[in-house]
Amino acid sequence: MVFLLLKEDLPMTKIETFRWRMWHIYLLIFITILLTGTVIRYGYRIQAAYSLDDRLYDYTNKKVSIKSFQNIKIGNFNVLGVKFGNEKALERSQLAVGRTYLAFQESRYKLPKHKKNSKNYDIIHYYKLGKDTGKGHTINVLDLAKKLGYDYPGSMDNTMYSDGKDEFVKFSSYDNEKVFYVNLRTHKATKTKPAKVSQYYGFDKPYRYLLSKDNFSVGHKDDPLTINSMPLIWTKERNFDDYKDQGDNEYSDQSLKKRFSLIIVTTDSLNLDDAIKLQKELTPDKEDIYWYFTSTDTTTGHLEEVKSQKDYNLLVKESHN
């Protein structure tokens, strides 16, 4: 015998018999508020932990990286544009540029500074010029310092050194009593000073030395604009804000200022006349570009303005050549 069950005879499920009640709505509201509060509280704790870290630790170049390299031209000069990530945290005094590498130090130490702590770290980020990006390659310089008998490495210098084959960065304590050099290729440290300074492309000594000093000025005598970074040109400086990338229609005016943090001159064997030409490319509205030397540095014994390579050779003492 076969029995047929009509649809209306089937037992109804709990879902089908469910009816919303006001207390259900109140319960959902309560659960939503509870979950939202939990998420906010968790996020606040994370943020508080980060803020506490900021107060308890001393950072150098925190989360600095390189976003991009790009070869470009400014007038007839070849330059390499560099874009940094988290540029605001970058300490320029601890950025070294050589013939092959760009490097900077990143560190975190428990306060008071250099108090021993498992979360302390000190590393070198280094990049092959024009090639590596992101965090680049890293070297644990804190471990290297300990192998040499130092508790911590100290600060990295902004000069790159060379032994004729490899490039090195220098670390020294504040009293300059503890000094060592790190080979960026082998990741080894030595107390022996490499034979020479590694000249990056562009201006050689004495021009590189001269251009790095604060006696290089642009503008009028009564209102000079001092340049103290060339041939490492920082695009956020006041001397750069008039520059227009004439040869690149894809980008708007002042595009180099927007696209790059730093520009490295890569045209070789430049002198002071070349420096003036390059500066005029950057600030075409400035007529006067000159260096000034105090009486102790000049052959005349008077304050002198130098506006060309010829003036420099004539007026500046040999000790600066």
Protein backbone atom coordinates (compact mmCIF):
# COMPACT_ATOMS: atom_id res chain seq x y z
CA MET A 1 0.00 0.00 0.00
CA VAL A 2 1.36 3.41 -0.94
CA PHE A 3 0.70 6.49 1.12
CA LEU A 4 0.89 9.93 -0.45
CA LEU A 5 1.86 12.90 1.74
CA LEU A 6 0.57 16.19 0.51
CA LYS A 7 2.86 19.24 0.87
CA GLU A 8 0.57 20.80 3.43
CA ASP A 9 0.78 17.62 5.48
CA LEU A 10 4.61 17.80 5.79
CA PRO A 11 5.95 18.99 9.17
CA MET A 12 7.24 22.60 9.02
CA THR A 13 10.92 23.35 9.80
CA LYS A 14 12.04 25.76 12.51
CA ILE A 15 13.16 28.26 9.89
CA GLU A 16 9.78 28.20 8.26
CA THR A 17 8.04 28.71 11.58
CA PHE A 18 10.50 31.48 12.75
CA ARG A 19 8.95 34.83 13.50
CA TRP A 20 10.95 37.95 14.34
CA ARG A 21 10.41 39.29 17.80
CA MET A 22 11.53 42.64 19.17
CA TRP A 23 13.99 40.99 21.55
CA HIS A 24 15.72 39.40 18.52
CA ILE A 25 16.44 42.86 17.12
CA TYR A 26 17.74 44.06 20.48
CA LEU A 27 20.01 41.01 20.65
CA LEU A 28 21.45 41.69 17.18
CA ILE A 29 22.10 45.32 18.07
CA PHE A 30 23.83 44.24 21.28
CA ILE A 31 26.02 41.68 19.44
CA THR A 32 26.94 44.28 16.77
CA ILE A 33 27.92 46.83 19.41
CA LEU A 34 29.92 44.19 21.29
CA LEU A 35 31.83 43.06 18.18
CA THR A 36 32.48 46.64 17.07
CA GLY A 37 33.81 47.55 20.51
CA THR A 38 36.05 44.47 20.53
CA VAL A 39 37.55 45.35 17.14
CA ILE A 40 38.11 48.99 18.14
CA ARG A 41 39.65 47.97 21.46
CA TYR A 42 41.96 45.48 19.71
CA GLY A 43 43.03 48.10 17.16
CA TYR A 44 43.64 50.63 19.93
CA ARG A 45 45.83 48.15 21.80
CA ILE A 46 47.90 47.54 18.66
CA GLN A 47 48.25 51.28 18.06
CA ALA A 48 49.10 51.85 21.71
CA ALA A 49 51.79 49.18 21.48
CA TYR A 50 53.31 50.92 18.44
CA SER A 51 53.12 54.29 20.20
CA LEU A 52 54.76 52.78 23.26
CA ASP A 53 57.52 51.39 21.04
CA ASP A 54 58.07 54.87 19.63
CA ARG A 55 58.51 56.21 23.15
CA LEU A 56 60.65 53.36 24.45
CA TYR A 57 62.94 52.96 21.44
CA ASP A 58 65.24 55.22 19.48
CA TYR A 59 64.91 54.72 15.71
CA THR A 60 67.19 55.61 12.82
CA ASN A 61 65.78 55.63 9.26
CA LYS A 62 62.69 53.73 10.37
CA LYS A 63 61.05 51.90 7.44
CA VAL A 64 63.04 53.85 4.85
CA SER A 65 63.30 52.08 1.50
CA ILE A 66 63.89 52.83 -2.17
CA LYS A 67 60.84 52.85 -4.40
CA SER A 68 62.57 53.43 -7.71
CA PHE A 69 65.66 54.44 -9.71
CA GLN A 70 65.47 56.14 -13.10
CA ASN A 71 68.17 57.43 -15.45
CA ILE A 72 67.27 60.86 -16.86
CA LYS A 73 68.89 64.01 -18.24
CA ILE A 74 69.03 67.55 -16.91
CA GLY A 75 70.23 69.64 -19.82
CA ASN A 76 73.31 67.80 -21.11
CA PHE A 77 73.97 66.08 -17.79
CA ASN A 78 73.22 62.44 -17.05
CA VAL A 79 71.65 61.95 -13.65
CA LEU A 80 70.04 59.12 -11.67
CA GLY A 81 66.73 59.88 -9.99
CA VAL A 82 66.01 58.12 -6.67
CA LYS A 83 62.61 57.87 -4.96
CA PHE A 84 62.64 56.93 -1.26
CA GLY A 85 59.85 55.30 0.69
CA ASN A 86 59.09 56.98 4.04
CA GLU A 87 61.43 59.80 3.03
CA LYS A 88 60.51 61.91 6.09
CA ALA A 89 62.36 59.45 8.31
CA LEU A 90 65.53 59.52 6.18
CA GLU A 91 68.60 60.97 7.88
CA ARG A 92 70.76 62.32 5.06
CA SER A 93 73.88 62.37 7.23
CA GLN A 94 73.78 58.57 7.24
CA LEU A 95 73.30 58.04 3.51
CA ALA A 96 76.42 56.97 1.62
CA VAL A 97 76.71 56.92 -2.19
CA GLY A 98 79.61 55.28 -3.98
CA ARG A 99 80.49 54.13 -7.46
CA THR A 100 78.50 50.90 -7.18
CA TYR A 101 76.28 51.15 -4.11
CA LEU A 102 73.95 53.39 -2.16
CA ALA A 103 73.62 52.52 1.54
CA PHE A 104 72.04 53.72 4.76
CA GLN A 105 71.73 52.50 8.35
CA GLU A 106 68.48 51.42 10.00
CA SER A 107 68.44 50.79 13.73
CA ARG A 108 66.27 50.49 16.81
CA TYR A 109 67.59 50.64 20.39
CA LYS A 110 65.84 50.48 23.73
CA LEU A 111 66.03 53.76 25.65
CA PRO A 112 68.20 54.79 27.37
CA LYS A 113 70.02 54.33 24.09
CA HIS A 114 72.04 51.16 23.64
CA LYS A 115 70.50 49.47 26.68
CA LYS A 116 70.69 45.76 25.94
CA ASN A 117 67.40 44.42 24.68
CA SER A 118 66.41 41.46 22.50
CA LYS A 119 64.42 43.79 20.22
CA ASN A 120 67.41 45.99 19.42
CA TYR A 121 68.60 45.80 15.84
CA ASP A 122 71.09 47.62 13.62
CA ILE A 123 71.32 46.83 9.93
CA ILE A 124 72.71 48.27 6.71
CA HIS A 125 70.41 48.55 3.70
CA TYR A 126 72.44 48.69 0.50
CA TYR A 127 71.44 48.89 -3.15
CA LYS A 128 73.22 48.57 -6.44
CA LEU A 129 72.84 51.97 -8.04
CA GLY A 130 70.01 51.97 -10.54
CA LYS A 131 69.04 48.34 -9.93
CA ASP A 132 67.79 47.29 -6.49
CA THR A 133 64.62 48.62 -4.88
CA GLY A 134 62.46 47.90 -1.82
CA LYS A 135 64.46 47.01 1.28
CA GLY A 136 67.45 46.13 -0.89
CA HIS A 137 70.12 43.88 0.59
CA THR A 138 70.78 43.90 4.33
CA ILE A 139 73.74 43.32 6.65
CA ASN A 140 73.39 42.77 10.40
CA VAL A 141 75.96 45.33 11.51
CA LEU A 142 75.13 44.86 15.22
CA ASP A 143 76.47 41.30 15.03
CA LEU A 144 79.56 42.48 13.16
CA ALA A 145 80.26 45.07 15.85
CA LYS A 146 79.97 42.47 18.61
CA LYS A 147 82.45 40.21 16.79
CA LEU A 148 84.91 43.11 16.90
CA GLY A 149 84.32 43.52 20.64
CA TYR A 150 81.95 46.50 20.46
CA ASP A 151 78.56 46.59 22.19
CA TYR A 152 77.02 48.54 19.32
CA PRO A 153 78.27 49.85 15.96
CA GLY A 154 77.65 53.57 16.40
CA SER A 155 76.63 55.80 13.48
CA MET A 156 77.24 55.20 9.81
CA ASP A 157 79.22 57.86 7.97
CA ASN A 158 77.95 59.40 4.72
CA THR A 159 81.21 58.69 2.86
CA MET A 160 81.74 55.51 0.86
CA TYR A 161 85.24 53.99 0.83
CA SER A 162 87.03 51.66 -1.57
CA ASP A 163 90.05 49.35 -1.60
CA GLY A 164 90.14 49.46 -5.40
CA LYS A 165 87.86 46.44 -5.71
CA ASP A 166 85.04 46.61 -3.16
CA GLU A 167 83.13 49.43 -1.48
CA PHE A 168 82.88 49.94 2.28
CA VAL A 169 80.81 52.01 4.70
CA LYS A 170 82.27 53.44 7.89
CA PHE A 171 80.88 53.13 11.41
CA SER A 172 82.18 55.06 14.39
CA SER A 173 81.28 55.80 18.00
CA TYR A 174 80.43 59.35 19.04
CA ASP A 175 83.94 59.86 20.46
CA ASN A 176 85.38 58.32 17.25
CA GLU A 177 87.41 55.85 19.31
CA LYS A 178 85.62 52.80 17.93
CA VAL A 179 85.84 52.74 14.14
CA PHE A 180 85.36 49.95 11.65
CA TYR A 181 84.45 49.46 7.99
CA VAL A 182 81.95 47.04 6.43
CA ASN A 183 82.56 45.48 3.02
CA LEU A 184 79.21 45.63 1.20
CA ARG A 185 80.08 42.71 -1.08
CA THR A 186 81.50 40.23 1.45
CA HIS A 187 79.51 41.44 4.51
CA LYS A 188 82.73 41.39 6.56
CA ALA A 189 84.00 44.06 8.93
CA THR A 190 87.55 45.35 9.34
CA LYS A 191 89.27 47.96 11.49
CA THR A 192 91.66 48.74 8.63
CA LYS A 193 90.73 51.87 6.72
CA PRO A 194 90.29 51.27 2.96
CA ALA A 195 92.81 52.98 0.70
CA LYS A 196 90.61 55.73 -0.71
CA VAL A 197 87.23 57.43 -0.79
CA SER A 198 84.96 55.89 -3.41
CA GLN A 199 84.02 58.76 -5.70
CA TYR A 200 80.54 58.51 -7.08
CA TYR A 201 79.98 59.67 -10.60
CA GLY A 202 80.15 63.38 -11.29
CA PHE A 203 82.44 65.73 -9.42
CA ASP A 204 85.87 64.62 -8.23
CA LYS A 205 87.98 66.29 -5.57
CA PRO A 206 88.30 69.24 -5.04
CA TYR A 207 84.96 70.00 -6.69
CA ARG A 208 83.02 67.44 -4.72
CA TYR A 209 84.45 68.82 -1.48
CA LEU A 210 83.72 72.37 -2.50
CA LEU A 211 80.17 71.67 -3.64
CA SER A 212 79.32 69.97 -0.36
CA LYS A 213 80.17 73.08 1.66
CA ASP A 214 77.81 75.87 2.61
CA ASN A 215 79.76 78.52 0.68
CA PHE A 216 78.07 77.64 -2.61
CA SER A 217 75.33 80.21 -3.17
CA VAL A 218 72.75 81.00 -5.81
CA GLY A 219 70.94 84.29 -6.26
CA HIS A 220 71.78 87.86 -5.43
CA LYS A 221 74.47 88.90 -2.99
CA ASP A 222 71.96 90.47 -0.61
CA ASP A 223 69.66 87.45 -0.67
CA PRO A 224 71.72 84.34 -1.49
CA LEU A 225 70.25 80.86 -1.76
CA THR A 226 72.71 78.44 -0.21
CA ILE A 227 73.21 75.01 -1.75
CA ASN A 228 74.94 72.39 0.40
CA SER A 229 74.11 69.05 -1.17
CA MET A 230 75.37 69.10 -4.75
CA PRO A 231 76.21 66.85 -6.54
CA LEU A 232 73.67 64.89 -4.51
CA ILE A 233 70.69 67.08 -5.37
CA TRP A 234 67.74 66.89 -2.99
CA THR A 235 64.64 67.85 -4.94
CA LYS A 236 62.68 69.10 -1.92
CA GLU A 237 65.14 71.93 -1.36
CA ARG A 238 64.22 75.50 -2.23
CA ASN A 239 66.74 75.66 -5.08
CA PHE A 240 64.82 73.03 -7.02
CA ASP A 241 61.29 74.34 -7.07
CA ASP A 242 61.65 76.28 -10.34
CA TYR A 243 63.00 73.37 -12.35
CA LYS A 244 61.00 72.15 -15.34
CA ASP A 245 61.71 68.86 -17.10
CA GLN A 246 61.84 70.25 -20.64
CA GLY A 247 62.52 66.96 -22.37
CA ASP A 248 59.68 64.88 -20.97
CA ASN A 249 56.22 65.91 -22.13
CA GLU A 250 54.62 63.02 -20.28
CA TYR A 251 55.04 64.83 -16.98
CA SER A 252 53.96 68.23 -15.71
CA ASP A 253 56.14 71.13 -14.57
CA GLN A 254 58.39 70.38 -11.61
CA SER A 255 57.91 66.70 -12.39
CA LEU A 256 61.34 65.75 -11.09
CA LYS A 257 60.40 67.29 -7.74
CA LYS A 258 57.34 65.05 -7.63
CA ARG A 259 58.96 61.91 -9.03
CA PHE A 260 62.23 61.84 -7.09
CA SER A 261 63.63 62.49 -3.63
CA LEU A 262 67.27 62.64 -4.70
CA ILE A 263 69.15 63.13 -7.96
CA ILE A 264 72.71 61.80 -8.31
CA VAL A 265 74.89 63.34 -10.99
CA THR A 266 76.31 60.48 -13.10
CA THR A 267 78.15 62.43 -15.80
CA ASP A 268 81.86 61.95 -15.13
CA SER A 269 84.76 64.38 -14.70
CA LEU A 270 82.87 67.59 -14.03
CA ASN A 271 84.44 70.83 -12.78
CA LEU A 272 83.10 74.03 -11.25
CA ASP A 273 82.04 75.50 -14.59
CA ASP A 274 79.96 72.35 -15.12
CA ALA A 275 78.46 72.79 -11.67
CA ILE A 276 77.37 76.30 -12.59
CA LYS A 277 75.82 75.09 -15.86
CA LEU A 278 73.94 72.36 -14.00
CA GLN A 279 72.73 74.77 -11.33
CA LYS A 280 71.49 77.16 -14.03
CA GLU A 281 69.46 74.28 -15.46
CA LEU A 282 67.86 73.82 -12.04
CA THR A 283 67.29 77.51 -11.31
CA PRO A 284 67.09 79.37 -14.64
CA ASP A 285 65.71 82.50 -12.99
CA LYS A 286 68.81 82.95 -10.82
CA GLU A 287 71.52 84.98 -12.53
CA ASP A 288 74.29 84.92 -9.92
CA ILE A 289 75.86 81.61 -9.00
CA TYR A 290 79.01 81.84 -6.94
CA TRP A 291 81.13 80.54 -4.09
CA TYR A 292 82.47 82.83 -1.42
CA PHE A 293 85.69 82.32 0.52
CA THR A 294 86.83 84.01 3.69
CA SER A 295 90.16 85.82 3.90
CA THR A 296 91.92 82.81 5.43
CA ASP A 297 91.19 80.70 2.32
CA THR A 298 92.04 83.19 -0.43
CA THR A 299 95.31 84.25 -2.04
CA THR A 300 94.36 87.92 -1.63
CA GLY A 301 93.63 87.78 2.07
CA HIS A 302 90.16 89.23 1.47
CA LEU A 303 86.64 87.82 1.18
CA GLU A 304 86.27 86.77 -2.45
CA GLU A 305 83.46 85.60 -4.72
CA VAL A 306 84.30 82.81 -7.14
CA LYS A 307 82.09 82.52 -10.23
CA SER A 308 84.15 80.28 -12.51
CA GLN A 309 86.87 77.65 -12.60
CA LYS A 310 89.33 80.38 -13.61
CA ASP A 311 88.43 82.47 -10.55
CA TYR A 312 88.83 79.44 -8.34
CA ASN A 313 92.31 78.61 -9.65
CA LEU A 314 93.38 82.23 -9.23
CA LEU A 315 91.85 83.17 -5.87
CA VAL A 316 91.68 80.03 -3.72
CA LYS A 317 94.70 78.75 -1.82
CA GLU A 318 96.30 75.52 -3.02
CA SER A 319 95.28 73.69 0.15
CA HIS A 320 91.75 73.58 -1.25
CA ASN A 321 92.82 72.26 -4.66
